[in-house]
């Protein structure tokens, strides 16, 4: 009898132990239940009319298409909107991250045209794959390959970094604002106040500076960016439409003009560079045919702010040895003529 009682007590103890373990580790059984499960199974991208990210970036569908409200209504890229909404619709749990808390939380809310919430996500840190092979051997870093997010009371890892949802408005726009092929540029000019510098391409596509004095020449080491300033120009941000002319500084800024040969036609593109932005190095910028004012990097701006002194150098006098050789050649030429 004692043996039977002892056996029963052992079984009870084991059962209670297992129960206590499961209660104390309640998240563990959820892994097989959640792995591979769709995060937003009911999401229909066509119903989404507004995307709110972290309280600092809002994108909205309007009669004129998608816009970035946080950039004063600047057009968003329809392709990028569709691409990122599709990513959300296809998200699945890769694995459950037991005991992990979300870091750098970002709330993402999707709404319909009536303002009703269609889906809400709480994103955390990105996950980086550890380096392997030679990269690990030489101290190389890993690379982002996923993102942590909250799902059904757990922290889970998905196989997409969802980097467009970090709050950077530029990831939702086409940032290229000018793409004039440098090979098509035939002339450029720089105007600042009353000062005007004009150049044109001569034979063999070499630059010729107008108005050179007899003791001046074009410094060819400074001509590398003359025709490429508008080739691959991207904005850093969109300027507040409420900024005044005094703040923008276009009336006293630099005017950069390129003449482009387009088939049998000649086209001119005019760009104006204004003041530096407050507490920064970027500059305000606008194109002749655009309604938007942008900020561009100081590096990009400087290529459109040339002065005559930036392009001209004193003409180098021939060295004495070279001068003597030249005189000798002249003498030889005279002797040959005399023999004839």
C-alpha atoms as a PDB file:
ATOM      1  CA  UNK A   1       0.000   0.000   0.000  1.00  0.00           C
ATOM      2  CA  UNK A   2       2.804   2.337   0.867  1.00  0.00           C
ATOM      3  CA  UNK A   3       4.462   1.560  -2.457  1.00  0.00           C
ATOM      4  CA  UNK A   4       1.269   2.436  -4.384  1.00  0.00           C
ATOM      5  CA  UNK A   5       0.866   5.684  -2.439  1.00  0.00           C
ATOM      6  CA  UNK A   6       4.457   6.597  -3.149  1.00  0.00           C
ATOM      7  CA  UNK A   7       3.980   5.946  -6.873  1.00  0.00           C
ATOM      8  CA  UNK A   8       0.872   8.112  -6.944  1.00  0.00           C
ATOM      9  CA  UNK A   9       2.678  10.912  -5.155  1.00  0.00           C
ATOM     10  CA  UNK A  10       5.526  10.751  -7.674  1.00  0.00           C
ATOM     11  CA  UNK A  11       3.133  10.976 -10.625  1.00  0.00           C
ATOM     12  CA  UNK A  12       1.296  13.904  -9.040  1.00  0.00           C
ATOM     13  CA  UNK A  13       4.590  15.676  -8.395  1.00  0.00           C
ATOM     14  CA  UNK A  14       5.657  15.239 -12.010  1.00  0.00           C
ATOM     15  CA  UNK A  15       2.329  16.547 -13.316  1.00  0.00           C
ATOM     16  CA  UNK A  16       2.435  19.536 -10.993  1.00  0.00           C
ATOM     17  CA  UNK A  17       6.038  20.226 -12.011  1.00  0.00           C
ATOM     18  CA  UNK A  18       5.186  20.197 -15.698  1.00  0.00           C
ATOM     19  CA  UNK A  19       2.178  22.441 -15.109  1.00  0.00           C
ATOM     20  CA  UNK A  20       4.247  24.908 -13.117  1.00  0.00           C
ATOM     21  CA  UNK A  21       6.898  24.962 -15.869  1.00  0.00           C
ATOM     22  CA  UNK A  22       4.310  25.688 -18.533  1.00  0.00           C
ATOM     23  CA  UNK A  23       2.657  28.399 -16.459  1.00  0.00           C
ATOM     24  CA  UNK A  24       6.013  30.023 -15.723  1.00  0.00           C
ATOM     25  CA  UNK A  25       6.980  29.892 -19.393  1.00  0.00           C
ATOM     26  CA  UNK A  26       3.655  30.682 -20.950  1.00  0.00           C
ATOM     27  CA  UNK A  27       5.215  32.095 -24.130  1.00  0.00           C
ATOM     28  CA  UNK A  28       6.991  28.899 -25.078  1.00  0.00           C
ATOM     29  CA  UNK A  29       4.023  26.890 -26.416  1.00  0.00           C
ATOM     30  CA  UNK A  30       3.101  29.839 -28.683  1.00  0.00           C
ATOM     31  CA  UNK A  31       6.104  29.390 -30.977  1.00  0.00           C
ATOM     32  CA  UNK A  32       4.701  26.544 -33.104  1.00  0.00           C
ATOM     33  CA  UNK A  33       1.277  28.223 -33.036  1.00  0.00           C
ATOM     34  CA  UNK A  34       2.566  31.539 -34.415  1.00  0.00           C
ATOM     35  CA  UNK A  35       5.389  30.493 -36.723  1.00  0.00           C
ATOM     36  CA  UNK A  36       4.381  31.140 -40.335  1.00  0.00           C
ATOM     37  CA  UNK A  37       1.188  32.942 -39.351  1.00  0.00           C
ATOM     38  CA  UNK A  38       0.153  35.990 -41.409  1.00  0.00           C
ATOM     39  CA  UNK A  39       0.500  39.274 -39.521  1.00  0.00           C
ATOM     40  CA  UNK A  40      -2.256  41.165 -41.382  1.00  0.00           C
ATOM     41  CA  UNK A  41      -4.325  38.476 -43.153  1.00  0.00           C
ATOM     42  CA  UNK A  42      -7.335  40.751 -43.735  1.00  0.00           C
ATOM     43  CA  UNK A  43      -5.407  43.696 -45.177  1.00  0.00           C
ATOM     44  CA  UNK A  44      -6.523  44.865 -48.608  1.00  0.00           C
ATOM     45  CA  UNK A  45      -4.045  47.438 -49.914  1.00  0.00           C
ATOM     46  CA  UNK A  46      -6.728  48.998 -52.139  1.00  0.00           C
ATOM     47  CA  UNK A  47      -8.669  50.077 -49.034  1.00  0.00           C
ATOM     48  CA  UNK A  48      -5.759  52.013 -47.526  1.00  0.00           C
ATOM     49  CA  UNK A  49      -6.069  55.790 -47.916  1.00  0.00           C
ATOM     50  CA  UNK A  50      -3.749  57.001 -45.157  1.00  0.00           C
ATOM     51  CA  UNK A  51      -0.516  55.748 -43.606  1.00  0.00           C
ATOM     52  CA  UNK A  52       0.599  57.200 -40.275  1.00  0.00           C
ATOM     53  CA  UNK A  53       4.101  56.404 -39.073  1.00  0.00           C
ATOM     54  CA  UNK A  54       5.358  57.184 -35.601  1.00  0.00           C
ATOM     55  CA  UNK A  55       3.391  60.403 -35.288  1.00  0.00           C
ATOM     56  CA  UNK A  56       5.923  62.215 -37.519  1.00  0.00           C
ATOM     57  CA  UNK A  57       5.156  61.022 -41.036  1.00  0.00           C
ATOM     58  CA  UNK A  58       1.781  60.867 -42.754  1.00  0.00           C
ATOM     59  CA  UNK A  59       0.995  59.793 -46.295  1.00  0.00           C
ATOM     60  CA  UNK A  60      -2.464  60.299 -47.746  1.00  0.00           C
ATOM     61  CA  UNK A  61      -4.366  59.417 -50.900  1.00  0.00           C
ATOM     62  CA  UNK A  62      -5.925  62.515 -52.492  1.00  0.00           C
ATOM     63  CA  UNK A  63      -7.689  63.453 -55.722  1.00  0.00           C
ATOM     64  CA  UNK A  64      -4.236  64.258 -57.142  1.00  0.00           C
ATOM     65  CA  UNK A  65      -2.701  60.977 -56.009  1.00  0.00           C
ATOM     66  CA  UNK A  66      -0.684  60.007 -52.941  1.00  0.00           C
ATOM     67  CA  UNK A  67       1.095  62.828 -51.144  1.00  0.00           C
ATOM     68  CA  UNK A  68       3.427  63.177 -48.173  1.00  0.00           C
ATOM     69  CA  UNK A  69       1.513  65.446 -45.819  1.00  0.00           C
ATOM     70  CA  UNK A  70       4.646  65.841 -43.688  1.00  0.00           C
ATOM     71  CA  UNK A  71       6.413  67.356 -46.748  1.00  0.00           C
ATOM     72  CA  UNK A  72       3.751  69.997 -47.382  1.00  0.00           C
ATOM     73  CA  UNK A  73       1.809  67.767 -49.761  1.00  0.00           C
ATOM     74  CA  UNK A  74       4.740  66.806 -51.966  1.00  0.00           C
ATOM     75  CA  UNK A  75       3.855  63.890 -54.309  1.00  0.00           C
ATOM     76  CA  UNK A  76       4.619  60.431 -52.992  1.00  0.00           C
ATOM     77  CA  UNK A  77       5.691  57.633 -55.296  1.00  0.00           C
ATOM     78  CA  UNK A  78       2.715  55.471 -56.169  1.00  0.00           C
ATOM     79  CA  UNK A  79       5.055  52.558 -56.842  1.00  0.00           C
ATOM     80  CA  UNK A  80       6.683  52.874 -53.415  1.00  0.00           C
ATOM     81  CA  UNK A  81       3.276  53.075 -51.720  1.00  0.00           C
ATOM     82  CA  UNK A  82       2.131  49.907 -53.489  1.00  0.00           C
ATOM     83  CA  UNK A  83       5.423  48.113 -52.816  1.00  0.00           C
ATOM     84  CA  UNK A  84       5.388  48.773 -49.070  1.00  0.00           C
ATOM     85  CA  UNK A  85       1.694  48.040 -48.577  1.00  0.00           C
ATOM     86  CA  UNK A  86       2.264  44.724 -50.339  1.00  0.00           C
ATOM     87  CA  UNK A  87       5.095  43.977 -47.926  1.00  0.00           C
ATOM     88  CA  UNK A  88       2.716  44.484 -44.994  1.00  0.00           C
ATOM     89  CA  UNK A  89       0.022  42.322 -46.580  1.00  0.00           C
ATOM     90  CA  UNK A  90       2.516  39.477 -47.064  1.00  0.00           C
ATOM     91  CA  UNK A  91       4.177  39.643 -43.630  1.00  0.00           C
ATOM     92  CA  UNK A  92       4.415  36.354 -41.777  1.00  0.00           C
ATOM     93  CA  UNK A  93       5.940  35.361 -38.467  1.00  0.00           C
ATOM     94  CA  UNK A  94       9.414  33.983 -38.974  1.00  0.00           C
ATOM     95  CA  UNK A  95       9.956  33.043 -35.355  1.00  0.00           C
ATOM     96  CA  UNK A  96       8.949  34.050 -31.859  1.00  0.00           C
ATOM     97  CA  UNK A  97      11.594  35.984 -29.917  1.00  0.00           C
ATOM     98  CA  UNK A  98      10.945  34.764 -26.385  1.00  0.00           C
ATOM     99  CA  UNK A  99      11.725  37.217 -23.629  1.00  0.00           C
ATOM    100  CA  UNK A 100      12.725  39.998 -26.033  1.00  0.00           C
ATOM    101  CA  UNK A 101      11.308  43.494 -25.645  1.00  0.00           C
ATOM    102  CA  UNK A 102      10.792  45.827 -28.576  1.00  0.00           C
ATOM    103  CA  UNK A 103      13.361  48.573 -28.891  1.00  0.00           C
ATOM    104  CA  UNK A 104      12.915  51.899 -30.692  1.00  0.00           C
ATOM    105  CA  UNK A 105       9.186  51.351 -30.995  1.00  0.00           C
ATOM    106  CA  UNK A 106       7.388  52.827 -33.997  1.00  0.00           C
ATOM    107  CA  UNK A 107       3.609  52.762 -34.356  1.00  0.00           C
ATOM    108  CA  UNK A 108       2.214  52.284 -37.859  1.00  0.00           C
ATOM    109  CA  UNK A 109      -1.493  52.845 -38.512  1.00  0.00           C
ATOM    110  CA  UNK A 110      -3.332  52.219 -41.774  1.00  0.00           C
ATOM    111  CA  UNK A 111      -6.681  53.962 -42.302  1.00  0.00           C
ATOM    112  CA  UNK A 112      -9.386  53.954 -44.944  1.00  0.00           C
ATOM    113  CA  UNK A 113     -10.878  57.001 -46.674  1.00  0.00           C
ATOM    114  CA  UNK A 114     -13.340  57.507 -43.806  1.00  0.00           C
ATOM    115  CA  UNK A 115     -10.551  57.595 -41.233  1.00  0.00           C
ATOM    116  CA  UNK A 116     -11.324  54.144 -39.833  1.00  0.00           C
ATOM    117  CA  UNK A 117      -8.321  52.135 -38.673  1.00  0.00           C
ATOM    118  CA  UNK A 118      -7.718  49.111 -40.877  1.00  0.00           C
ATOM    119  CA  UNK A 119      -4.566  47.828 -39.190  1.00  0.00           C
ATOM    120  CA  UNK A 120      -2.068  48.797 -36.509  1.00  0.00           C
ATOM    121  CA  UNK A 121       1.485  47.613 -36.079  1.00  0.00           C
ATOM    122  CA  UNK A 122       4.108  48.226 -33.442  1.00  0.00           C
ATOM    123  CA  UNK A 123       7.586  47.885 -34.954  1.00  0.00           C
ATOM    124  CA  UNK A 124      10.826  47.444 -33.044  1.00  0.00           C
ATOM    125  CA  UNK A 125      14.501  47.145 -33.906  1.00  0.00           C
ATOM    126  CA  UNK A 126      15.837  45.600 -37.065  1.00  0.00           C
ATOM    127  CA  UNK A 127      17.532  42.219 -36.861  1.00  0.00           C
ATOM    128  CA  UNK A 128      21.039  41.876 -38.272  1.00  0.00           C
ATOM    129  CA  UNK A 129      22.468  38.652 -39.568  1.00  0.00           C
ATOM    130  CA  UNK A 130      25.776  37.799 -37.973  1.00  0.00           C
ATOM    131  CA  UNK A 131      28.790  37.810 -40.304  1.00  0.00           C
ATOM    132  CA  UNK A 132      30.196  34.497 -41.395  1.00  0.00           C
ATOM    133  CA  UNK A 133      33.291  33.236 -43.202  1.00  0.00           C
ATOM    134  CA  UNK A 134      35.880  35.839 -44.134  1.00  0.00           C
ATOM    135  CA  UNK A 135      33.620  38.715 -43.067  1.00  0.00           C
ATOM    136  CA  UNK A 136      33.601  37.374 -39.504  1.00  0.00           C
ATOM    137  CA  UNK A 137      37.298  36.549 -39.647  1.00  0.00           C
ATOM    138  CA  UNK A 138      38.234  40.126 -40.524  1.00  0.00           C
ATOM    139  CA  UNK A 139      35.797  41.808 -38.181  1.00  0.00           C
ATOM    140  CA  UNK A 140      33.152  42.646 -40.761  1.00  0.00           C
ATOM    141  CA  UNK A 141      29.667  43.583 -39.599  1.00  0.00           C
ATOM    142  CA  UNK A 142      26.415  41.828 -40.299  1.00  0.00           C
ATOM    143  CA  UNK A 143      23.584  43.205 -42.384  1.00  0.00           C
ATOM    144  CA  UNK A 144      19.884  43.832 -41.594  1.00  0.00           C
ATOM    145  CA  UNK A 145      17.687  40.933 -42.651  1.00  0.00           C
ATOM    146  CA  UNK A 146      14.518  41.285 -40.569  1.00  0.00           C
ATOM    147  CA  UNK A 147      12.445  43.292 -38.105  1.00  0.00           C
ATOM    148  CA  UNK A 148      11.007  42.681 -34.662  1.00  0.00           C
ATOM    149  CA  UNK A 149       7.370  43.590 -34.069  1.00  0.00           C
ATOM    150  CA  UNK A 150       4.592  42.970 -31.586  1.00  0.00           C
ATOM    151  CA  UNK A 151       2.022  40.325 -32.533  1.00  0.00           C
ATOM    152  CA  UNK A 152      -0.612  38.623 -30.398  1.00  0.00           C
ATOM    153  CA  UNK A 153       1.163  39.461 -27.163  1.00  0.00           C
ATOM    154  CA  UNK A 154       4.546  38.278 -28.375  1.00  0.00           C
ATOM    155  CA  UNK A 155       7.646  39.799 -29.902  1.00  0.00           C
ATOM    156  CA  UNK A 156       8.137  38.126 -33.261  1.00  0.00           C
ATOM    157  CA  UNK A 157      10.680  38.385 -36.039  1.00  0.00           C
ATOM    158  CA  UNK A 158       9.643  38.881 -39.675  1.00  0.00           C
ATOM    159  CA  UNK A 159      11.845  38.482 -42.743  1.00  0.00           C
ATOM    160  CA  UNK A 160      11.708  42.086 -43.939  1.00  0.00           C
ATOM    161  CA  UNK A 161      13.450  45.146 -42.516  1.00  0.00           C
ATOM    162  CA  UNK A 162      10.480  47.417 -43.366  1.00  0.00           C
ATOM    163  CA  UNK A 163      12.962  50.294 -43.478  1.00  0.00           C
ATOM    164  CA  UNK A 164      10.508  52.608 -45.285  1.00  0.00           C
ATOM    165  CA  UNK A 165       8.507  52.724 -42.032  1.00  0.00           C
ATOM    166  CA  UNK A 166      11.355  54.299 -40.067  1.00  0.00           C
ATOM    167  CA  UNK A 167       9.923  57.789 -40.649  1.00  0.00           C
ATOM    168  CA  UNK A 168      12.173  59.106 -43.436  1.00  0.00           C
ATOM    169  CA  UNK A 169       9.870  60.851 -45.917  1.00  0.00           C
ATOM    170  CA  UNK A 170      12.408  60.525 -48.739  1.00  0.00           C
ATOM    171  CA  UNK A 171      11.882  56.762 -48.788  1.00  0.00           C
ATOM    172  CA  UNK A 172       8.361  57.387 -50.081  1.00  0.00           C
ATOM    173  CA  UNK A 173       9.254  59.937 -52.805  1.00  0.00           C
ATOM    174  CA  UNK A 174      11.179  60.180 -56.021  1.00  0.00           C
ATOM    175  CA  UNK A 175      14.044  62.365 -54.809  1.00  0.00           C
ATOM    176  CA  UNK A 176      15.627  62.967 -58.233  1.00  0.00           C
ATOM    177  CA  UNK A 177      14.710  66.529 -59.252  1.00  0.00           C
ATOM    178  CA  UNK A 178      16.988  66.957 -62.273  1.00  0.00           C
ATOM    179  CA  UNK A 179      18.620  64.540 -64.687  1.00  0.00           C
ATOM    180  CA  UNK A 180      20.129  66.552 -67.523  1.00  0.00           C
ATOM    181  CA  UNK A 181      22.630  64.357 -69.431  1.00  0.00           C
ATOM    182  CA  UNK A 182      26.015  66.050 -69.317  1.00  0.00           C
ATOM    183  CA  UNK A 183      26.777  64.707 -72.789  1.00  0.00           C
ATOM    184  CA  UNK A 184      23.943  66.841 -74.183  1.00  0.00           C
ATOM    185  CA  UNK A 185      25.095  70.095 -72.557  1.00  0.00           C
ATOM    186  CA  UNK A 186      26.631  72.537 -75.047  1.00  0.00           C
ATOM    187  CA  UNK A 187      27.014  75.639 -72.859  1.00  0.00           C
ATOM    188  CA  UNK A 188      26.765  76.784 -69.231  1.00  0.00           C
ATOM    189  CA  UNK A 189      26.629  80.120 -67.478  1.00  0.00           C
ATOM    190  CA  UNK A 190      26.843  81.348 -63.894  1.00  0.00           C
ATOM    191  CA  UNK A 191      25.260  84.635 -62.858  1.00  0.00           C
ATOM    192  CA  UNK A 192      25.593  86.266 -59.452  1.00  0.00           C
ATOM    193  CA  UNK A 193      24.387  89.821 -59.308  1.00  0.00           C
ATOM    194  CA  UNK A 194      26.003  91.668 -62.242  1.00  0.00           C
ATOM    195  CA  UNK A 195      28.782  89.100 -62.626  1.00  0.00           C
ATOM    196  CA  UNK A 196      28.336  86.670 -65.512  1.00  0.00           C
ATOM    197  CA  UNK A 197      30.560  83.746 -66.470  1.00  0.00           C
ATOM    198  CA  UNK A 198      29.831  81.992 -69.772  1.00  0.00           C
ATOM    199  CA  UNK A 199      31.374  78.862 -71.242  1.00  0.00           C
ATOM    200  CA  UNK A 200      30.648  76.757 -74.296  1.00  0.00           C
ATOM    201  CA  UNK A 201      31.939  73.513 -75.691  1.00  0.00           C
ATOM    202  CA  UNK A 202      34.320  73.917 -78.589  1.00  0.00           C
ATOM    203  CA  UNK A 203      35.930  71.325 -80.813  1.00  0.00           C
ATOM    204  CA  UNK A 204      36.475  67.898 -79.265  1.00  0.00           C
ATOM    205  CA  UNK A 205      34.008  68.924 -76.518  1.00  0.00           C
ATOM    206  CA  UNK A 206      36.649  71.081 -74.808  1.00  0.00           C
ATOM    207  CA  UNK A 207      35.411  74.044 -72.790  1.00  0.00           C
ATOM    208  CA  UNK A 208      35.990  77.602 -73.953  1.00  0.00           C
ATOM    209  CA  UNK A 209      35.562  80.503 -71.518  1.00  0.00           C
ATOM    210  CA  UNK A 210      34.303  83.729 -73.022  1.00  0.00           C
ATOM    211  CA  UNK A 211      36.160  86.991 -72.362  1.00  0.00           C
ATOM    212  CA  UNK A 212      39.603  85.611 -71.539  1.00  0.00           C
ATOM    213  CA  UNK A 213      42.389  88.197 -71.439  1.00  0.00           C
ATOM    214  CA  UNK A 214      45.725  87.745 -73.288  1.00  0.00           C
ATOM    215  CA  UNK A 215      47.426  86.649 -70.078  1.00  0.00           C
ATOM    216  CA  UNK A 216      44.609  84.352 -68.878  1.00  0.00           C
ATOM    217  CA  UNK A 217      43.579  80.817 -69.620  1.00  0.00           C
ATOM    218  CA  UNK A 218      40.900  78.396 -68.497  1.00  0.00           C
ATOM    219  CA  UNK A 219      41.968  76.189 -65.614  1.00  0.00           C
ATOM    220  CA  UNK A 220      40.989  72.821 -67.046  1.00  0.00           C
ATOM    221  CA  UNK A 221      41.462  71.138 -63.677  1.00  0.00           C
ATOM    222  CA  UNK A 222      38.344  73.025 -62.487  1.00  0.00           C
ATOM    223  CA  UNK A 223      36.004  72.107 -65.343  1.00  0.00           C
ATOM    224  CA  UNK A 224      35.025  68.602 -64.214  1.00  0.00           C
ATOM    225  CA  UNK A 225      31.591  69.641 -62.872  1.00  0.00           C
ATOM    226  CA  UNK A 226      30.598  72.341 -65.353  1.00  0.00           C
ATOM    227  CA  UNK A 227      28.063  70.263 -67.262  1.00  0.00           C
ATOM    228  CA  UNK A 228      27.110  67.666 -64.638  1.00  0.00           C
ATOM    229  CA  UNK A 229      25.565  69.791 -61.886  1.00  0.00           C
ATOM    230  CA  UNK A 230      22.054  68.833 -63.001  1.00  0.00           C
ATOM    231  CA  UNK A 231      22.876  65.293 -64.116  1.00  0.00           C
ATOM    232  CA  UNK A 232      22.009  63.372 -60.945  1.00  0.00           C
ATOM    233  CA  UNK A 233      20.568  65.957 -58.583  1.00  0.00           C
ATOM    234  CA  UNK A 234      18.531  64.766 -55.580  1.00  0.00           C
ATOM    235  CA  UNK A 235      16.848  66.834 -52.892  1.00  0.00           C
ATOM    236  CA  UNK A 236      17.433  66.439 -49.184  1.00  0.00           C
ATOM    237  CA  UNK A 237      14.095  67.934 -48.204  1.00  0.00           C
ATOM    238  CA  UNK A 238      11.199  70.074 -49.382  1.00  0.00           C
ATOM    239  CA  UNK A 239      11.154  73.678 -48.163  1.00  0.00           C
ATOM    240  CA  UNK A 240       8.248  75.146 -46.235  1.00  0.00           C
ATOM    241  CA  UNK A 241       6.037  77.081 -48.707  1.00  0.00           C
ATOM    242  CA  UNK A 242       5.602  79.764 -46.029  1.00  0.00           C
ATOM    243  CA  UNK A 243       9.268  80.789 -46.152  1.00  0.00           C
ATOM    244  CA  UNK A 244       9.764  84.360 -47.319  1.00  0.00           C
ATOM    245  CA  UNK A 245      11.967  85.529 -50.179  1.00  0.00           C
ATOM    246  CA  UNK A 246      14.316  87.079 -47.630  1.00  0.00           C
ATOM    247  CA  UNK A 247      14.715  83.667 -46.005  1.00  0.00           C
ATOM    248  CA  UNK A 248      15.117  81.817 -49.304  1.00  0.00           C
ATOM    249  CA  UNK A 249      17.526  84.340 -50.836  1.00  0.00           C
ATOM    250  CA  UNK A 250      16.796  83.629 -54.492  1.00  0.00           C
ATOM    251  CA  UNK A 251      16.829  87.285 -55.560  1.00  0.00           C
ATOM    252  CA  UNK A 252      20.470  87.557 -54.486  1.00  0.00           C
ATOM    253  CA  UNK A 253      21.449  83.970 -55.195  1.00  0.00           C
ATOM    254  CA  UNK A 254      23.329  82.212 -57.975  1.00  0.00           C
ATOM    255  CA  UNK A 255      21.648  81.454 -61.301  1.00  0.00           C
ATOM    256  CA  UNK A 256      23.019  78.432 -63.158  1.00  0.00           C
ATOM    257  CA  UNK A 257      21.926  77.889 -66.767  1.00  0.00           C
ATOM    258  CA  UNK A 258      22.668  74.947 -69.026  1.00  0.00           C
ATOM    259  CA  UNK A 259      22.040  74.866 -72.770  1.00  0.00           C
ATOM    260  CA  UNK A 260      21.091  71.406 -73.969  1.00  0.00           C
ATOM    261  CA  UNK A 261      20.997  70.119 -77.509  1.00  0.00           C
ATOM    262  CA  UNK A 262      17.919  67.941 -77.873  1.00  0.00           C
ATOM    263  CA  UNK A 263      17.948  66.676 -81.436  1.00  0.00           C
ATOM    264  CA  UNK A 264      17.456  69.709 -83.647  1.00  0.00           C
ATOM    265  CA  UNK A 265      16.210  71.835 -80.734  1.00  0.00           C
ATOM    266  CA  UNK A 266      18.119  73.839 -78.161  1.00  0.00           C
ATOM    267  CA  UNK A 267      16.702  73.893 -74.640  1.00  0.00           C
ATOM    268  CA  UNK A 268      17.779  75.899 -71.624  1.00  0.00           C
ATOM    269  CA  UNK A 269      17.373  74.776 -68.019  1.00  0.00           C
ATOM    270  CA  UNK A 270      17.704  77.410 -65.331  1.00  0.00           C
ATOM    271  CA  UNK A 271      18.398  76.659 -61.665  1.00  0.00           C
ATOM    272  CA  UNK A 272      18.680  79.101 -58.774  1.00  0.00           C
ATOM    273  CA  UNK A 273      20.615  78.514 -55.568  1.00  0.00           C
ATOM    274  CA  UNK A 274      19.609  80.571 -52.543  1.00  0.00           C
ATOM    275  CA  UNK A 275      20.568  80.940 -48.898  1.00  0.00           C
ATOM    276  CA  UNK A 276      21.796  78.264 -46.531  1.00  0.00           C
ATOM    277  CA  UNK A 277      19.075  76.713 -44.418  1.00  0.00           C
ATOM    278  CA  UNK A 278      18.937  77.875 -40.839  1.00  0.00           C
ATOM    279  CA  UNK A 279      21.333  75.934 -38.601  1.00  0.00           C
ATOM    280  CA  UNK A 280      22.557  73.786 -41.489  1.00  0.00           C
ATOM    281  CA  UNK A 281      24.755  73.622 -44.562  1.00  0.00           C
ATOM    282  CA  UNK A 282      22.126  72.717 -47.173  1.00  0.00           C
ATOM    283  CA  UNK A 283      20.923  75.431 -49.535  1.00  0.00           C
ATOM    284  CA  UNK A 284      17.537  76.348 -50.943  1.00  0.00           C
ATOM    285  CA  UNK A 285      17.128  75.437 -54.596  1.00  0.00           C
ATOM    286  CA  UNK A 286      14.537  75.779 -57.354  1.00  0.00           C
ATOM    287  CA  UNK A 287      14.227  74.974 -61.047  1.00  0.00           C
ATOM    288  CA  UNK A 288      12.719  77.258 -63.664  1.00  0.00           C
ATOM    289  CA  UNK A 289       9.804  74.930 -64.433  1.00  0.00           C
ATOM    290  CA  UNK A 290       9.015  73.729 -60.921  1.00  0.00           C
ATOM    291  CA  UNK A 291       6.622  74.956 -58.271  1.00  0.00           C
ATOM    292  CA  UNK A 292       8.558  73.337 -55.424  1.00  0.00           C
ATOM    293  CA  UNK A 293      11.478  74.721 -53.467  1.00  0.00           C
ATOM    294  CA  UNK A 294      13.939  72.132 -52.204  1.00  0.00           C
ATOM    295  CA  UNK A 295      17.007  71.918 -50.046  1.00  0.00           C
ATOM    296  CA  UNK A 296      20.085  70.340 -51.603  1.00  0.00           C
ATOM    297  CA  UNK A 297      23.496  69.464 -50.223  1.00  0.00           C
ATOM    298  CA  UNK A 298      26.172  72.126 -50.076  1.00  0.00           C
ATOM    299  CA  UNK A 299      28.323  69.946 -52.346  1.00  0.00           C
ATOM    300  CA  UNK A 300      25.646  69.939 -55.064  1.00  0.00           C
ATOM    301  CA  UNK A 301      25.052  73.659 -54.621  1.00  0.00           C
ATOM    302  CA  UNK A 302      28.722  74.592 -54.929  1.00  0.00           C
ATOM    303  CA  UNK A 303      28.918  73.086 -58.418  1.00  0.00           C
ATOM    304  CA  UNK A 304      26.379  75.722 -59.515  1.00  0.00           C
ATOM    305  CA  UNK A 305      28.019  78.661 -57.742  1.00  0.00           C
ATOM    306  CA  UNK A 306      31.174  79.204 -59.786  1.00  0.00           C
ATOM    307  CA  UNK A 307      32.881  82.590 -60.038  1.00  0.00           C
ATOM    308  CA  UNK A 308      35.271  83.715 -62.737  1.00  0.00           C
ATOM    309  CA  UNK A 309      38.180  83.431 -60.326  1.00  0.00           C
ATOM    310  CA  UNK A 310      37.272  79.772 -59.774  1.00  0.00           C
ATOM    311  CA  UNK A 311      37.853  78.951 -63.430  1.00  0.00           C
ATOM    312  CA  UNK A 312      40.628  81.288 -64.616  1.00  0.00           C
ATOM    313  CA  UNK A 313      44.363  81.130 -64.020  1.00  0.00           C
ATOM    314  CA  UNK A 314      47.306  83.131 -65.255  1.00  0.00           C
ATOM    315  CA  UNK A 315      48.635  81.898 -68.562  1.00  0.00           C
ATOM    316  CA  UNK A 316      51.846  79.989 -68.024  1.00  0.00           C
ATOM    317  CA  UNK A 317      54.870  81.521 -69.763  1.00  0.00           C
ATOM    318  CA  UNK A 318      57.079  79.028 -71.651  1.00  0.00           C
ATOM    319  CA  UNK A 319      60.121  77.917 -69.684  1.00  0.00           C
ATOM    320  CA  UNK A 320      63.579  79.189 -70.757  1.00  0.00           C
ATOM    321  CA  UNK A 321      64.686  75.819 -72.162  1.00  0.00           C
ATOM    322  CA  UNK A 322      61.476  75.546 -74.163  1.00  0.00           C
ATOM    323  CA  UNK A 323      61.901  79.131 -75.385  1.00  0.00           C
ATOM    324  CA  UNK A 324      65.459  78.385 -76.551  1.00  0.00           C
ATOM    325  CA  UNK A 325      64.275  75.268 -78.386  1.00  0.00           C
ATOM    326  CA  UNK A 326      61.619  77.363 -80.071  1.00  0.00           C
ATOM    327  CA  UNK A 327      64.162  79.957 -81.155  1.00  0.00           C
ATOM    328  CA  UNK A 328      66.485  77.220 -82.431  1.00  0.00           C
ATOM    329  CA  UNK A 329      63.698  75.782 -84.553  1.00  0.00           C
ATOM    330  CA  UNK A 330      63.041  79.232 -85.995  1.00  0.00           C
ATOM    331  CA  UNK A 331      66.755  79.647 -86.863  1.00  0.00           C
ATOM    332  CA  UNK A 332      66.842  76.224 -88.509  1.00  0.00           C
ATOM    333  CA  UNK A 333      63.814  77.183 -90.518  1.00  0.00           C
ATOM    334  CA  UNK A 334      65.493  80.372 -91.708  1.00  0.00           C
ATOM    335  CA  UNK A 335      68.668  78.502 -92.738  1.00  0.00           C
ATOM    336  CA  UNK A 336      66.637  75.984 -94.699  1.00  0.00           C
ATOM    337  CA  UNK A 337      64.819  78.761 -96.508  1.00  0.00           C
ATOM    338  CA  UNK A 338      68.147  80.468 -97.275  1.00  0.00           C
ATOM    339  CA  UNK A 339      69.572  77.259 -98.866  1.00  0.00           C
ATOM    340  CA  UNK A 340      66.522  77.011-101.063  1.00  0.00           C
END
